[in-house]
């Protein structure tokens, strides 16, 4: 699934609730990295992107579990060929 995002659009605002332990740990970590208040949003956005990517990869692995390696390689080769030679 791919969503087209208007880069000129205003950022979405979220209201999040986390445990006091996570809050303290994250703020301490950001502080040790020299990050400021606005960096919390960037940190959360990056974490969400990584989690979405990880879950997508796991879903694909689950779907392909038990498939023949040669058949999977043929699919990969066909996809690469289609991209390289449109």
Protein backbone atom coordinates (compact mmCIF):
# COMPACT_ATOMS: atom_id res chain seq x y z
CA UNK A 1 0.00 0.00 0.00
CA UNK A 2 1.39 3.36 -0.98
CA UNK A 3 0.03 6.74 -0.03
CA UNK A 4 0.87 9.88 -1.93
CA UNK A 5 1.74 12.63 0.51
CA UNK A 6 1.59 16.32 -0.35
CA UNK A 7 4.95 17.60 0.88
CA UNK A 8 3.47 21.10 1.25
CA UNK A 9 0.74 19.85 3.61
CA UNK A 10 0.82 20.77 7.27
CA UNK A 11 2.19 18.06 9.58
CA UNK A 12 -0.38 15.96 11.42
CA UNK A 13 -0.60 16.45 15.17
CA UNK A 14 -0.76 13.42 17.42
CA UNK A 15 -1.54 13.13 21.08
CA UNK A 16 0.39 10.20 22.52
CA UNK A 17 0.37 8.59 25.92
CA UNK A 18 3.37 6.59 27.12
CA UNK A 19 4.44 5.23 30.46
CA UNK A 20 6.49 7.49 32.74
CA UNK A 21 9.43 5.08 32.36
CA UNK A 22 9.43 5.34 28.56
CA UNK A 23 9.06 9.12 28.75
CA UNK A 24 12.00 9.48 31.14
CA UNK A 25 14.20 7.04 29.20
CA UNK A 26 13.52 8.68 25.85
CA UNK A 27 14.02 12.22 27.14
CA UNK A 28 17.26 11.17 28.82
CA UNK A 29 18.44 9.52 25.60
CA UNK A 30 17.54 12.56 23.49
CA UNK A 31 19.35 14.78 25.98
CA UNK A 32 22.52 12.70 25.83
CA UNK A 33 22.41 13.00 22.03
CA UNK A 34 22.21 16.78 22.25
CA UNK A 35 18.71 16.79 20.85
CA UNK A 36 16.14 19.43 21.64
CA UNK A 37 12.37 19.47 22.18
CA UNK A 38 11.46 19.36 18.46
CA UNK A 39 13.61 16.30 17.98
CA UNK A 40 11.06 14.19 19.88
CA UNK A 41 8.67 14.40 16.90
CA UNK A 42 11.41 13.41 14.46
CA UNK A 43 12.42 10.51 16.71
CA UNK A 44 8.83 9.21 16.92
CA UNK A 45 8.29 9.59 13.16
CA UNK A 46 11.48 7.66 12.39
CA UNK A 47 10.50 4.92 14.87
CA UNK A 48 7.06 4.59 13.27
CA UNK A 49 8.57 4.39 9.78
CA UNK A 50 10.97 1.65 10.89
CA UNK A 51 8.16 -0.31 12.59
CA UNK A 52 5.92 -0.09 9.52
CA UNK A 53 8.79 -1.26 7.33
CA UNK A 54 9.57 -4.14 9.72
CA UNK A 55 5.96 -5.30 9.81
CA UNK A 56 5.73 -5.15 6.01
CA UNK A 57 8.87 -7.28 5.67
CA UNK A 58 7.53 -9.81 8.20
CA UNK A 59 4.19 -10.02 6.38
CA UNK A 60 5.97 -10.71 3.09
CA UNK A 61 8.20 -13.33 4.73
CA UNK A 62 5.14 -15.06 6.17
CA UNK A 63 3.43 -15.12 2.77
CA UNK A 64 6.51 -16.55 1.10
CA UNK A 65 7.36 -19.12 3.77
CA UNK A 66 7.70 -22.56 2.23
CA UNK A 67 8.03 -21.26 -1.32
CA UNK A 68 10.69 -22.76 -3.55
CA UNK A 69 13.91 -20.71 -3.52
CA UNK A 70 14.34 -21.03 -7.30
CA UNK A 71 10.78 -19.78 -7.91
CA UNK A 72 11.34 -16.81 -5.58
CA UNK A 73 14.62 -15.97 -7.31
CA UNK A 74 12.86 -16.09 -10.69
CA UNK A 75 10.22 -13.63 -9.38
CA UNK A 76 12.96 -11.30 -8.11
CA UNK A 77 14.87 -11.54 -11.40
CA UNK A 78 11.71 -10.78 -13.41
CA UNK A 79 10.90 -7.76 -11.21
CA UNK A 80 14.44 -6.40 -11.52
CA UNK A 81 14.41 -6.91 -15.26
CA UNK A 82 11.10 -5.05 -15.55
CA UNK A 83 12.50 -2.11 -13.60
CA UNK A 84 15.82 -2.02 -15.44
CA UNK A 85 14.26 -2.40 -18.90
CA UNK A 86 10.83 -0.75 -18.87
